[in-house]
Amino acid sequence: MTTVVMNQGERVQDPPIVQALLSDPRAGWLWVLPRIWLGWQWFEAAQHKIADPAWVQTGEALRGFWLNAVLVPETGRAAITFDWYRSFLQMLLDAQAYTWFAPVVAYGEMLIGLALIVGAFTGIAAFFGGFMNWNFMMAGSASTNPLLFLVAVALIMAWKVAGHVGADYFLLRWIGTPWRGLPAKAKTPTSSARALMGWADDGGPDMRND
């Protein structure tokens, strides 16, 4: 694996605090509250949508949101800053994609919320949640999206341990990742075990004469 090496011959590493927060399983306890809080925000938002026929049946709620987003007023600023994103939403409107896209949003929010609350596939759930936040913001809706997006990014970065106090404790062990990981290192013997094996303090066998 390629790494960045300084002139002194040392590899560039993340600060210890970053390594502890993002890789140490014990940090999973620190991520419990942000993870469950974010999951509840998505789950609660989904409940309102799933109970509304304008979201899960006709899609008119999403259609109205898109129409307001693509509107370019004669005075003042438009909700959407980037023309390419406005064209993208207009294409979805012309194709009447809101009829099927609205239920996807509603039930997708519920799945994201449940996954985050139980800590299942935390990094993936946070990614899709953050992606939805990003789209809402691109469409000109701020609301709580910036804060939710920030927490989602943090959970994505801490994906290895953010769900450790949750279902990921088992899922990451059973399923693993699509890419290959490094082999687990053998445990370093304790001082007493090293003494019994006649190891020196530097970690190798004691070669001193009795």
Protein backbone atom coordinates (compact mmCIF):
# COMPACT_ATOMS: atom_id res chain seq x y z
CA MET A 1 0.00 0.00 0.00
CA THR A 2 1.42 3.39 -1.00
CA THR A 3 1.92 5.84 1.85
CA VAL A 4 3.24 9.38 2.15
CA VAL A 5 6.74 9.38 3.63
CA MET A 6 8.45 12.44 5.08
CA ASN A 7 12.07 13.35 4.40
CA GLN A 8 12.99 11.97 7.83
CA GLY A 9 11.79 8.55 6.70
CA GLU A 10 8.63 8.55 8.82
CA ARG A 11 5.22 7.78 7.36
CA VAL A 12 2.59 10.52 7.57
CA GLN A 13 -0.03 9.35 10.05
CA ASP A 14 -3.35 10.68 11.25
CA PRO A 15 -3.16 12.49 14.61
CA PRO A 16 -3.64 10.09 17.55
CA ILE A 17 -6.98 11.68 18.46
CA VAL A 18 -8.26 11.07 14.91
CA GLN A 19 -7.08 7.46 14.97
CA ALA A 20 -8.79 6.95 18.31
CA LEU A 21 -12.11 8.48 17.19
CA LEU A 22 -12.26 6.77 13.80
CA SER A 23 -10.61 3.40 14.38
CA ASP A 24 -10.64 2.47 18.07
CA PRO A 25 -13.65 0.23 18.86
CA ARG A 26 -13.91 1.87 22.29
CA ALA A 27 -14.86 5.11 20.50
CA GLY A 28 -18.07 3.36 19.47
CA TRP A 29 -19.58 4.52 22.75
CA LEU A 30 -18.93 8.14 21.75
CA TRP A 31 -20.78 7.65 18.46
CA VAL A 32 -23.90 6.08 19.97
CA LEU A 33 -25.75 9.33 20.72
CA PRO A 34 -24.95 11.13 17.41
CA ARG A 35 -25.86 7.98 15.48
CA ILE A 36 -29.16 7.37 17.24
CA TRP A 37 -30.04 11.09 17.14
CA LEU A 38 -29.46 11.22 13.38
CA GLY A 39 -31.37 8.00 12.87
CA TRP A 40 -34.32 9.33 14.82
CA GLN A 41 -34.39 12.51 12.71
CA TRP A 42 -34.72 10.41 9.57
CA PHE A 43 -37.21 7.99 11.09
CA GLU A 44 -39.44 10.79 12.38
CA ALA A 45 -39.33 12.62 9.04
CA ALA A 46 -40.29 9.40 7.27
CA GLN A 47 -43.32 8.84 9.49
CA HIS A 48 -44.87 12.13 8.35
CA LYS A 49 -44.27 11.27 4.70
CA ILE A 50 -45.47 7.67 4.86
CA ALA A 51 -48.74 8.82 6.46
CA ASP A 52 -49.29 11.35 3.65
CA PRO A 53 -50.86 10.07 0.40
CA ALA A 54 -49.27 13.01 -1.42
CA TRP A 55 -45.93 11.30 -0.79
CA VAL A 56 -46.58 7.58 -1.05
CA GLN A 57 -49.45 7.50 -3.55
CA THR A 58 -49.56 10.45 -5.92
CA GLY A 59 -46.13 12.00 -5.36
CA GLU A 60 -47.71 15.47 -5.50
CA ALA A 61 -45.77 16.58 -2.41
CA LEU A 62 -42.44 15.97 -4.12
CA ARG A 63 -43.75 17.50 -7.33
CA GLY A 64 -44.60 20.69 -5.46
CA PHE A 65 -41.18 20.77 -3.87
CA TRP A 66 -39.46 20.38 -7.24
CA LEU A 67 -41.68 23.02 -8.88
CA ASN A 68 -40.79 25.55 -6.19
CA ALA A 69 -37.13 24.66 -6.50
CA VAL A 70 -36.87 25.13 -10.27
CA LEU A 71 -38.84 28.37 -10.24
CA VAL A 72 -36.79 31.38 -11.32
CA PRO A 73 -38.39 34.54 -9.89
CA GLU A 74 -38.35 37.84 -11.76
CA THR A 75 -36.76 39.52 -8.77
CA GLY A 76 -34.53 38.10 -6.08
CA ARG A 77 -32.49 34.92 -6.09
CA ALA A 78 -33.66 31.56 -7.33
CA ALA A 79 -33.73 28.67 -4.87
CA ILE A 80 -31.25 26.68 -6.97
CA THR A 81 -27.84 28.22 -7.59
CA PHE A 82 -26.49 25.80 -10.21
CA ASP A 83 -28.25 25.68 -13.56
CA TRP A 84 -27.24 22.06 -14.17
CA TYR A 85 -29.09 20.95 -11.06
CA ARG A 86 -32.17 22.95 -12.04
CA SER A 87 -32.09 21.23 -15.44
CA PHE A 88 -31.80 17.87 -13.70
CA LEU A 89 -34.91 18.49 -11.58
CA GLN A 90 -36.78 19.84 -14.59
CA MET A 91 -35.98 16.64 -16.44
CA LEU A 92 -37.43 14.62 -13.56
CA LEU A 93 -40.54 16.81 -13.58
CA ASP A 94 -41.04 16.40 -17.32
CA ALA A 95 -40.72 12.62 -16.92
CA GLN A 96 -43.20 12.67 -14.00
CA ALA A 97 -40.60 10.82 -11.95
CA TYR A 98 -42.13 12.16 -8.76
CA THR A 99 -44.85 9.46 -8.97
CA TRP A 100 -42.31 6.76 -8.09
CA PHE A 101 -39.53 8.87 -6.62
CA ALA A 102 -41.61 10.25 -3.74
CA PRO A 103 -42.30 6.81 -2.19
CA VAL A 104 -38.60 5.97 -2.59
CA VAL A 105 -37.74 9.08 -0.60
CA ALA A 106 -40.30 8.35 2.11
CA TYR A 107 -39.41 4.70 2.65
CA GLY A 108 -35.75 5.38 2.05
CA GLU A 109 -35.74 7.84 4.94
CA MET A 110 -37.34 5.22 7.16
CA LEU A 111 -34.74 2.58 6.25
CA ILE A 112 -31.90 5.03 6.83
CA GLY A 113 -33.32 5.95 10.21
CA LEU A 114 -33.78 2.34 11.31
CA ALA A 115 -30.29 1.35 10.15
CA LEU A 116 -28.69 4.20 12.06
CA ILE A 117 -30.69 3.58 15.22
CA VAL A 118 -29.71 -0.09 15.41
CA GLY A 119 -26.21 0.56 14.05
CA ALA A 120 -26.52 -1.68 10.98
CA PHE A 121 -24.27 -0.80 8.01
CA THR A 122 -23.78 2.58 9.66
CA GLY A 123 -21.39 4.01 7.06
CA ILE A 124 -23.68 3.07 4.15
CA ALA A 125 -26.80 4.41 5.89
CA ALA A 126 -25.01 7.65 6.77
CA PHE A 127 -23.82 8.00 3.17
CA PHE A 128 -27.31 7.74 1.72
CA GLY A 129 -28.65 10.06 4.40
CA GLY A 130 -25.95 12.61 3.65
CA PHE A 131 -26.65 12.26 -0.06
CA MET A 132 -30.30 13.10 0.53
CA ASN A 133 -29.29 16.08 2.68
CA TRP A 134 -27.01 17.23 -0.13
CA ASN A 135 -29.84 17.04 -2.67
CA PHE A 136 -32.21 18.96 -0.41
CA MET A 137 -29.58 21.68 0.02
CA MET A 138 -28.86 21.77 -3.71
CA ALA A 139 -32.58 22.33 -4.24
CA GLY A 140 -32.41 25.35 -1.95
CA SER A 141 -33.78 23.83 1.26
CA ALA A 142 -31.55 24.53 4.25
CA SER A 143 -33.67 23.78 7.33
CA THR A 144 -31.82 21.17 9.43
CA ASN A 145 -30.02 19.67 6.43
CA PRO A 146 -26.60 21.29 7.06
CA LEU A 147 -26.41 19.89 10.59
CA LEU A 148 -27.68 16.45 9.53
CA PHE A 149 -25.17 16.43 6.68
CA LEU A 150 -22.32 17.27 9.07
CA VAL A 151 -23.21 14.43 11.44
CA ALA A 152 -23.60 12.05 8.49
CA VAL A 153 -20.11 12.89 7.20
CA ALA A 154 -18.66 12.26 10.67
CA LEU A 155 -20.38 8.86 10.83
CA ILE A 156 -19.10 8.00 7.36
CA MET A 157 -15.55 8.77 8.45
CA ALA A 158 -16.02 6.65 11.59
CA TRP A 159 -17.79 3.81 9.78
CA LYS A 160 -15.53 1.12 11.28
CA VAL A 161 -16.49 1.93 14.87
CA ALA A 162 -19.63 4.12 14.70
CA GLY A 163 -21.85 1.04 14.81
CA HIS A 164 -19.63 -1.01 17.10
CA VAL A 165 -22.14 -0.54 19.91
CA GLY A 166 -24.86 -1.87 17.66
CA ALA A 167 -25.54 -4.38 14.91
CA ASP A 168 -22.26 -3.64 13.12
CA TYR A 169 -20.47 -5.39 15.99
CA PHE A 170 -21.72 -8.62 14.42
CA LEU A 171 -22.24 -7.60 10.79
CA LEU A 172 -18.67 -6.45 10.17
CA ARG A 173 -17.40 -9.73 11.59
CA TRP A 174 -19.81 -11.94 9.65
CA ILE A 175 -19.94 -10.11 6.32
CA GLY A 176 -16.74 -8.09 6.26
CA THR A 177 -16.09 -5.62 3.42
CA PRO A 178 -15.94 -5.98 -0.40
CA TRP A 179 -12.22 -5.20 -0.26
CA ARG A 180 -9.56 -7.28 1.43
CA GLY A 181 -8.32 -6.20 4.84
CA LEU A 182 -4.91 -6.56 6.41
CA PRO A 183 -4.28 -9.81 8.30
CA ALA A 184 -4.81 -9.50 12.02
CA LYS A 185 -1.51 -9.16 13.87
CA ALA A 186 -0.57 -11.67 16.50
CA LYS A 187 -1.07 -10.41 20.02
CA THR A 188 2.05 -9.11 21.72
CA PRO A 189 2.92 -11.35 24.69
CA THR A 190 2.48 -9.81 28.10
CA SER A 191 5.54 -9.04 30.21
CA SER A 192 5.01 -12.12 32.35
CA ALA A 193 4.60 -14.36 29.31
CA ARG A 194 7.70 -12.87 27.75
CA ALA A 195 9.63 -13.58 30.92
CA LEU A 196 8.48 -17.21 30.91
CA MET A 197 9.54 -17.57 27.27
CA GLY A 198 12.90 -15.97 28.00
CA TRP A 199 12.28 -12.94 25.76
CA ALA A 200 14.35 -9.82 26.14
CA ASP A 201 12.79 -6.39 26.74
CA ASP A 202 13.20 -5.44 23.08
CA GLY A 203 10.67 -8.07 22.04
CA GLY A 204 13.11 -10.74 20.80
CA PRO A 205 14.41 -13.89 22.48
CA ASP A 206 16.86 -13.32 25.34
CA MET A 207 20.25 -14.35 23.99
CA ARG A 208 22.21 -13.35 27.08
CA ASN A 209 24.41 -15.93 28.79
CA ASP A 210 23.30 -17.12 32.22
